Amino acid sequence: MRRRFKQRGDGTGALAEISVTSLVDVAFTLLIIFMITAPILQGGIEIDVPEAASGPLSASDALVVSIDAEGQIYLDDVPVTYEEFDATIEAALERFDSDNVFIKADGDIALRLALRVMGSIDEAGGIVSIVTQPEPRRRP
């Protein structure tokens, strides 16, 4: 059985059109908001890590230890002294699913401090990975 639509008086028939202009405006506005806020959401301590040949980091749930230019140690964005770090690293590793620990160390810190931190992580059973900036590609 066919349905017949009642025609308007002018003979144009039923008009069923949806305007998506406002929907597109909202979608683009949300896209711009996400593009602006995405770098902010990364968070963390701002560290000037050195350049070196490196690969991408895995997206695993890992502990991040940062050491800034003044030698301040941050355990997951919380500033701690070396003694506090040494005492709490084992408990901090137990909170994570992975034993991986990413070290973000400023390029200008003394190697002695970085090695002490790595030694403490190793003694606690963690696997150390050092975060670096990838070197710029050289053209032959």
N, C-alpha and C. Protein backbone atom coordinates (compact mmCIF):
# COMPACT_ATOMS: atom_id res chain seq x y z
N MET A 1 0.83 -1.17 0.00
CA MET A 1 0.00 0.00 0.00
C MET A 1 0.89 1.24 0.00
N ARG A 2 0.68 2.10 -0.89
CA ARG A 2 1.45 3.33 -1.01
C ARG A 2 0.83 4.42 -0.17
N ARG A 3 1.75 5.17 0.45
CA ARG A 3 1.27 6.31 1.21
C ARG A 3 1.41 7.55 0.35
N ARG A 4 0.48 8.35 0.46
CA ARG A 4 0.52 9.61 -0.26
C ARG A 4 0.63 10.74 0.75
N PHE A 5 1.58 11.61 0.45
CA PHE A 5 1.74 12.76 1.31
C PHE A 5 0.79 13.85 0.88
N LYS A 6 0.29 14.48 1.86
CA LYS A 6 -0.61 15.59 1.60
C LYS A 6 0.21 16.76 1.08
N GLN A 7 -0.13 17.26 -0.04
CA GLN A 7 0.61 18.35 -0.62
C GLN A 7 0.12 19.68 -0.09
N ARG A 8 1.07 20.60 -0.04
CA ARG A 8 0.69 21.95 0.34
C ARG A 8 -0.12 22.59 -0.76
N GLY A 9 -0.60 23.69 -0.40
CA GLY A 9 -1.44 24.39 -1.36
C GLY A 9 -0.69 24.84 -2.59
N ASP A 10 0.67 25.00 -2.47
CA ASP A 10 1.42 25.48 -3.62
C ASP A 10 1.93 24.34 -4.50
N GLY A 11 1.68 23.10 -4.10
CA GLY A 11 2.04 21.96 -4.93
C GLY A 11 3.47 21.49 -4.80
N THR A 12 4.24 21.96 -3.80
CA THR A 12 5.64 21.57 -3.68
C THR A 12 5.84 20.26 -2.93
N GLY A 13 4.90 19.77 -2.21
CA GLY A 13 5.03 18.51 -1.48
C GLY A 13 5.67 18.70 -0.12
N ALA A 14 5.96 17.59 0.54
CA ALA A 14 6.53 17.64 1.89
C ALA A 14 8.01 18.01 1.82
N LEU A 15 8.44 18.80 2.76
CA LEU A 15 9.84 19.22 2.81
C LEU A 15 10.46 18.65 4.07
N ALA A 16 11.44 17.74 3.92
CA ALA A 16 12.08 17.10 5.07
C ALA A 16 13.59 17.25 4.92
N GLU A 17 14.12 18.36 5.35
CA GLU A 17 15.55 18.62 5.25
C GLU A 17 16.06 19.08 6.61
N ILE A 18 17.20 18.53 7.02
CA ILE A 18 17.78 18.89 8.31
C ILE A 18 18.98 19.80 8.04
N SER A 19 19.05 20.89 8.76
CA SER A 19 20.16 21.81 8.63
C SER A 19 21.27 21.35 9.57
N VAL A 20 22.47 21.11 9.03
CA VAL A 20 23.59 20.64 9.85
C VAL A 20 24.63 21.73 10.08
N THR A 21 24.32 22.93 9.71
CA THR A 21 25.27 24.03 9.86
C THR A 21 25.68 24.23 11.31
N SER A 22 24.71 24.27 12.20
CA SER A 22 25.04 24.48 13.62
C SER A 22 25.80 23.27 14.18
N LEU A 23 25.51 22.08 13.72
CA LEU A 23 26.22 20.89 14.17
C LEU A 23 27.69 20.93 13.74
N VAL A 24 27.95 21.38 12.55
CA VAL A 24 29.32 21.51 12.05
C VAL A 24 30.06 22.59 12.84
N ASP A 25 29.39 23.69 13.16
CA ASP A 25 30.01 24.74 13.96
C ASP A 25 30.43 24.22 15.33
N VAL A 26 29.57 23.46 15.97
CA VAL A 26 29.88 22.90 17.28
C VAL A 26 31.04 21.91 17.18
N ALA A 27 31.04 21.07 16.14
CA ALA A 27 32.10 20.09 15.97
C ALA A 27 33.46 20.76 15.77
N PHE A 28 33.51 21.81 14.96
CA PHE A 28 34.78 22.52 14.74
C PHE A 28 35.23 23.25 16.00
N THR A 29 34.29 23.80 16.75
CA THR A 29 34.65 24.46 18.01
C THR A 29 35.26 23.46 18.99
N LEU A 30 34.65 22.29 19.12
CA LEU A 30 35.21 21.25 20.00
C LEU A 30 36.58 20.79 19.52
N LEU A 31 36.77 20.67 18.22
CA LEU A 31 38.06 20.28 17.67
C LEU A 31 39.14 21.29 18.04
N ILE A 32 38.83 22.55 17.91
CA ILE A 32 39.79 23.60 18.26
C ILE A 32 40.11 23.57 19.75
N ILE A 33 39.10 23.37 20.58
CA ILE A 33 39.33 23.28 22.03
C ILE A 33 40.25 22.12 22.36
N PHE A 34 40.03 20.95 21.76
CA PHE A 34 40.88 19.79 22.02
C PHE A 34 42.30 20.01 21.51
N MET A 35 42.45 20.69 20.38
CA MET A 35 43.79 20.95 19.85
C MET A 35 44.57 21.89 20.78
N ILE A 36 43.90 22.82 21.40
CA ILE A 36 44.57 23.75 22.29
C ILE A 36 44.91 23.10 23.63
N THR A 37 44.00 22.28 24.16
CA THR A 37 44.21 21.70 25.48
C THR A 37 45.04 20.43 25.49
N ALA A 38 45.23 19.76 24.38
CA ALA A 38 45.98 18.50 24.36
C ALA A 38 47.41 18.65 24.86
N PRO A 39 48.18 19.66 24.44
CA PRO A 39 49.53 19.79 24.99
C PRO A 39 49.55 20.09 26.48
N ILE A 40 48.54 20.77 26.97
CA ILE A 40 48.48 21.09 28.39
C ILE A 40 48.22 19.84 29.22
N LEU A 41 47.44 18.91 28.68
CA LEU A 41 47.09 17.70 29.42
C LEU A 41 48.25 16.75 29.62
N GLN A 42 49.32 16.90 28.86
CA GLN A 42 50.46 16.02 29.02
C GLN A 42 51.09 16.20 30.39
N GLY A 43 51.05 17.40 30.90
CA GLY A 43 51.52 17.67 32.25
C GLY A 43 52.97 17.33 32.46
N GLY A 44 53.34 17.10 33.70
CA GLY A 44 54.71 16.76 34.02
C GLY A 44 55.55 17.98 34.30
N ILE A 45 56.77 17.71 34.68
CA ILE A 45 57.74 18.74 34.97
C ILE A 45 58.45 19.11 33.67
N GLU A 46 58.64 20.38 33.44
CA GLU A 46 59.32 20.84 32.22
C GLU A 46 60.82 20.62 32.38
N ILE A 47 61.35 19.68 31.61
CA ILE A 47 62.76 19.31 31.67
C ILE A 47 63.35 19.45 30.28
N ASP A 48 64.54 20.02 30.19
CA ASP A 48 65.26 20.15 28.93
C ASP A 48 66.12 18.90 28.74
N VAL A 49 65.51 17.84 28.18
CA VAL A 49 66.23 16.59 28.02
C VAL A 49 67.19 16.69 26.84
N PRO A 50 68.33 15.98 26.90
CA PRO A 50 69.31 16.07 25.81
C PRO A 50 68.84 15.33 24.57
N GLU A 51 69.46 15.66 23.43
CA GLU A 51 69.16 14.97 22.18
C GLU A 51 70.04 13.74 22.07
N ALA A 52 69.46 12.66 21.58
CA ALA A 52 70.20 11.41 21.36
C ALA A 52 69.38 10.54 20.42
N ALA A 53 70.03 9.55 19.84
CA ALA A 53 69.31 8.59 19.02
C ALA A 53 68.35 7.83 19.92
N SER A 54 67.07 7.87 19.60
CA SER A 54 66.10 7.24 20.48
C SER A 54 64.91 6.74 19.67
N GLY A 55 64.17 5.84 20.30
CA GLY A 55 62.96 5.31 19.70
C GLY A 55 61.76 5.82 20.47
N PRO A 56 60.57 5.49 19.99
CA PRO A 56 59.36 5.95 20.67
C PRO A 56 59.18 5.24 22.01
N LEU A 57 58.53 5.93 22.96
CA LEU A 57 58.23 5.34 24.25
C LEU A 57 57.00 4.47 24.13
N SER A 58 56.96 3.41 24.93
CA SER A 58 55.77 2.58 24.94
C SER A 58 54.70 3.30 25.75
N ALA A 59 53.46 2.99 25.46
CA ALA A 59 52.35 3.66 26.13
C ALA A 59 51.95 2.94 27.42
N SER A 60 52.89 2.25 28.03
CA SER A 60 52.57 1.51 29.25
C SER A 60 52.44 2.44 30.43
N ASP A 61 51.85 1.92 31.48
CA ASP A 61 51.70 2.69 32.71
C ASP A 61 53.01 2.59 33.47
N ALA A 62 53.83 3.62 33.36
CA ALA A 62 55.17 3.58 33.96
C ALA A 62 55.36 4.77 34.88
N LEU A 63 56.25 4.60 35.83
CA LEU A 63 56.61 5.65 36.77
C LEU A 63 57.58 6.60 36.07
N VAL A 64 57.39 7.91 36.28
CA VAL A 64 58.27 8.91 35.68
C VAL A 64 59.03 9.62 36.80
N VAL A 65 60.36 9.59 36.71
CA VAL A 65 61.22 10.30 37.65
C VAL A 65 61.89 11.42 36.87
N SER A 66 61.75 12.66 37.34
CA SER A 66 62.33 13.80 36.66
C SER A 66 63.40 14.42 37.54
N ILE A 67 64.46 14.93 36.90
CA ILE A 67 65.53 15.65 37.60
C ILE A 67 65.75 16.94 36.83
N ASP A 68 65.49 18.07 37.50
CA ASP A 68 65.62 19.35 36.80
C ASP A 68 67.06 19.86 36.85
N ALA A 69 67.30 21.04 36.28
CA ALA A 69 68.64 21.60 36.15
C ALA A 69 69.29 21.90 37.50
N GLU A 70 68.48 22.15 38.53
CA GLU A 70 69.02 22.42 39.86
C GLU A 70 69.29 21.15 40.66
N GLY A 71 68.97 19.99 40.10
CA GLY A 71 69.18 18.73 40.79
C GLY A 71 68.00 18.29 41.65
N GLN A 72 66.86 18.96 41.52
CA GLN A 72 65.66 18.58 42.26
C GLN A 72 65.06 17.33 41.63
N ILE A 73 64.77 16.33 42.45
CA ILE A 73 64.19 15.07 41.97
C ILE A 73 62.67 15.15 42.15
N TYR A 74 61.94 14.72 41.13
CA TYR A 74 60.49 14.66 41.17
C TYR A 74 60.07 13.21 40.96
N LEU A 75 59.31 12.69 41.88
CA LEU A 75 58.77 11.34 41.76
C LEU A 75 57.31 11.48 41.37
N ASP A 76 57.03 11.27 40.10
CA ASP A 76 55.69 11.48 39.56
C ASP A 76 55.19 12.89 39.87
N ASP A 77 55.94 13.90 39.53
CA ASP A 77 55.61 15.32 39.68
C ASP A 77 55.61 15.82 41.12
N VAL A 78 56.03 15.01 42.07
CA VAL A 78 56.11 15.43 43.47
C VAL A 78 57.58 15.63 43.82
N PRO A 79 57.98 16.84 44.23
CA PRO A 79 59.39 17.07 44.57
C PRO A 79 59.78 16.31 45.84
N VAL A 80 60.91 15.60 45.77
CA VAL A 80 61.43 14.84 46.91
C VAL A 80 62.94 15.04 46.99
N THR A 81 63.48 14.83 48.18
CA THR A 81 64.93 14.82 48.33
C THR A 81 65.44 13.45 47.92
N TYR A 82 66.76 13.32 47.76
CA TYR A 82 67.29 12.01 47.38
C TYR A 82 67.00 10.97 48.45
N GLU A 83 67.08 11.35 49.72
CA GLU A 83 66.81 10.41 50.81
C GLU A 83 65.36 9.95 50.78
N GLU A 84 64.42 10.87 50.54
CA GLU A 84 63.00 10.50 50.42
C GLU A 84 62.78 9.62 49.21
N PHE A 85 63.46 9.95 48.11
CA PHE A 85 63.33 9.15 46.90
C PHE A 85 63.81 7.72 47.14
N ASP A 86 64.97 7.59 47.77
CA ASP A 86 65.55 6.28 48.03
C ASP A 86 64.64 5.45 48.94
N ALA A 87 63.97 6.11 49.88
CA ALA A 87 63.11 5.40 50.82
C ALA A 87 61.75 5.01 50.23
N THR A 88 61.29 5.74 49.22
CA THR A 88 59.93 5.52 48.71
C THR A 88 59.86 4.92 47.31
N ILE A 89 60.98 4.73 46.65
CA ILE A 89 60.94 4.25 45.27
C ILE A 89 60.32 2.84 45.16
N GLU A 90 60.62 2.00 46.13
CA GLU A 90 60.07 0.63 46.09
C GLU A 90 58.55 0.65 46.22
N ALA A 91 58.03 1.45 47.13
CA ALA A 91 56.58 1.57 47.29
C ALA A 91 55.94 2.20 46.06
N ALA A 92 56.63 3.15 45.46
CA ALA A 92 56.09 3.81 44.26
C ALA A 92 56.01 2.83 43.10
N LEU A 93 56.98 1.94 42.97
CA LEU A 93 56.96 0.94 41.89
C LEU A 93 55.81 -0.05 42.06
N GLU A 94 55.42 -0.33 43.28
CA GLU A 94 54.33 -1.28 43.52
C GLU A 94 52.98 -0.73 43.07
N ARG A 95 52.85 0.59 42.95
CA ARG A 95 51.59 1.20 42.51
C ARG A 95 51.33 1.01 41.02
N PHE A 96 52.36 0.66 40.26
CA PHE A 96 52.22 0.59 38.80
C PHE A 96 52.21 -0.86 38.34
N ASP A 97 51.55 -1.10 37.20
CA ASP A 97 51.48 -2.43 36.62
C ASP A 97 52.82 -2.87 36.05
N SER A 98 53.64 -1.92 35.66
CA SER A 98 54.90 -2.19 34.99
C SER A 98 56.06 -1.85 35.90
N ASP A 99 57.21 -2.50 35.68
CA ASP A 99 58.43 -2.18 36.42
C ASP A 99 59.24 -1.09 35.71
N ASN A 100 58.74 -0.61 34.57
CA ASN A 100 59.46 0.40 33.81
C ASN A 100 59.45 1.74 34.54
N VAL A 101 60.60 2.40 34.55
CA VAL A 101 60.73 3.73 35.13
C VAL A 101 61.39 4.61 34.08
N PHE A 102 60.71 5.69 33.70
CA PHE A 102 61.26 6.63 32.74
C PHE A 102 61.95 7.75 33.50
N ILE A 103 63.21 8.01 33.18
CA ILE A 103 63.96 9.10 33.80
C ILE A 103 64.05 10.25 32.81
N LYS A 104 63.51 11.40 33.21
CA LYS A 104 63.63 12.63 32.44
C LYS A 104 64.62 13.50 33.18
N ALA A 105 65.84 13.55 32.71
CA ALA A 105 66.88 14.32 33.39
C ALA A 105 67.34 15.46 32.50
N ASP A 106 67.50 16.61 33.09
CA ASP A 106 68.01 17.77 32.38
C ASP A 106 69.41 17.46 31.86
N GLY A 107 69.73 17.95 30.69
CA GLY A 107 71.04 17.67 30.09
C GLY A 107 72.21 18.28 30.84
N ASP A 108 71.96 19.24 31.71
CA ASP A 108 73.04 19.93 32.41
C ASP A 108 73.28 19.42 33.83
N ILE A 109 72.58 18.37 34.27
CA ILE A 109 72.80 17.89 35.65
C ILE A 109 74.07 17.04 35.70
N ALA A 110 74.58 16.89 36.91
CA ALA A 110 75.78 16.07 37.11
C ALA A 110 75.42 14.60 36.91
N LEU A 111 76.27 13.89 36.24
CA LEU A 111 76.06 12.47 35.99
C LEU A 111 75.98 11.69 37.30
N ARG A 112 76.68 12.16 38.31
CA ARG A 112 76.70 11.48 39.61
C ARG A 112 75.28 11.35 40.18
N LEU A 113 74.49 12.42 40.12
CA LEU A 113 73.12 12.38 40.65
C LEU A 113 72.25 11.43 39.84
N ALA A 114 72.36 11.49 38.53
CA ALA A 114 71.57 10.60 37.68
C ALA A 114 71.92 9.14 37.96
N LEU A 115 73.19 8.84 38.15
CA LEU A 115 73.60 7.47 38.43
C LEU A 115 73.10 7.00 39.80
N ARG A 116 73.09 7.89 40.79
CA ARG A 116 72.56 7.53 42.11
C ARG A 116 71.07 7.20 42.02
N VAL A 117 70.33 7.99 41.25
CA VAL A 117 68.90 7.74 41.08
C VAL A 117 68.68 6.42 40.34
N MET A 118 69.45 6.18 39.28
CA MET A 118 69.32 4.93 38.54
C MET A 118 69.68 3.73 39.41
N GLY A 119 70.68 3.87 40.27
CA GLY A 119 71.06 2.79 41.17
C GLY A 119 69.94 2.46 42.15
N SER A 120 69.29 3.48 42.68
CA SER A 120 68.17 3.26 43.61
C SER A 120 67.01 2.56 42.92
N ILE A 121 66.74 2.94 41.68
CA ILE A 121 65.66 2.31 40.92
C ILE A 121 66.01 0.85 40.66
N ASP A 122 67.26 0.59 40.29
CA ASP A 122 67.70 -0.78 40.02
C ASP A 122 67.60 -1.65 41.27
N GLU A 123 68.00 -1.12 42.42
CA GLU A 123 67.92 -1.87 43.68
C GLU A 123 66.47 -2.17 44.06
N ALA A 124 65.55 -1.28 43.69
CA ALA A 124 64.13 -1.48 43.99
C ALA A 124 63.46 -2.43 43.00
N GLY A 125 64.18 -2.85 41.97
CA GLY A 125 63.62 -3.80 41.00
C GLY A 125 63.02 -3.16 39.78
N GLY A 126 63.31 -1.89 39.55
CA GLY A 126 62.77 -1.19 38.38
C GLY A 126 63.67 -1.33 37.17
N ILE A 127 63.09 -1.15 36.01
CA ILE A 127 63.82 -1.18 34.74
C ILE A 127 63.91 0.26 34.24
N VAL A 128 65.12 0.77 34.11
CA VAL A 128 65.34 2.18 33.80
C VAL A 128 65.35 2.43 32.29
N SER A 129 64.60 3.44 31.88
CA SER A 129 64.64 3.95 30.51
C SER A 129 64.86 5.45 30.59
N ILE A 130 65.77 5.96 29.78
CA ILE A 130 66.10 7.38 29.81
C ILE A 130 65.37 8.08 28.68
N VAL A 131 64.67 9.15 29.01
CA VAL A 131 63.91 9.93 28.03
C VAL A 131 64.83 10.95 27.39
N THR A 132 64.86 10.98 26.06
CA THR A 132 65.65 11.96 25.31
C THR A 132 64.82 12.55 24.19
N GLN A 133 65.29 13.65 23.65
CA GLN A 133 64.70 14.21 22.43
C GLN A 133 65.35 13.51 21.25
N PRO A 134 64.60 13.12 20.24
CA PRO A 134 65.23 12.51 19.08
C PRO A 134 66.12 13.51 18.35
N GLU A 135 67.24 13.03 17.86
CA GLU A 135 68.14 13.89 17.10
C GLU A 135 67.50 14.27 15.79
N PRO A 136 67.78 15.45 15.30
CA PRO A 136 67.26 15.81 13.98
C PRO A 136 67.88 14.92 12.91
N ARG A 137 67.07 14.55 11.97
CA ARG A 137 67.57 13.67 10.90
C ARG A 137 68.55 14.42 10.01
N ARG A 138 69.65 13.77 9.73
CA ARG A 138 70.67 14.38 8.85
C ARG A 138 70.44 13.89 7.44
N ARG A 139 70.54 14.81 6.54
CA ARG A 139 70.40 14.44 5.11
C ARG A 139 71.75 14.13 4.54
N PRO A 140 71.86 13.04 3.80
CA PRO A 140 73.17 12.68 3.21
C PRO A 140 73.61 13.62 2.12
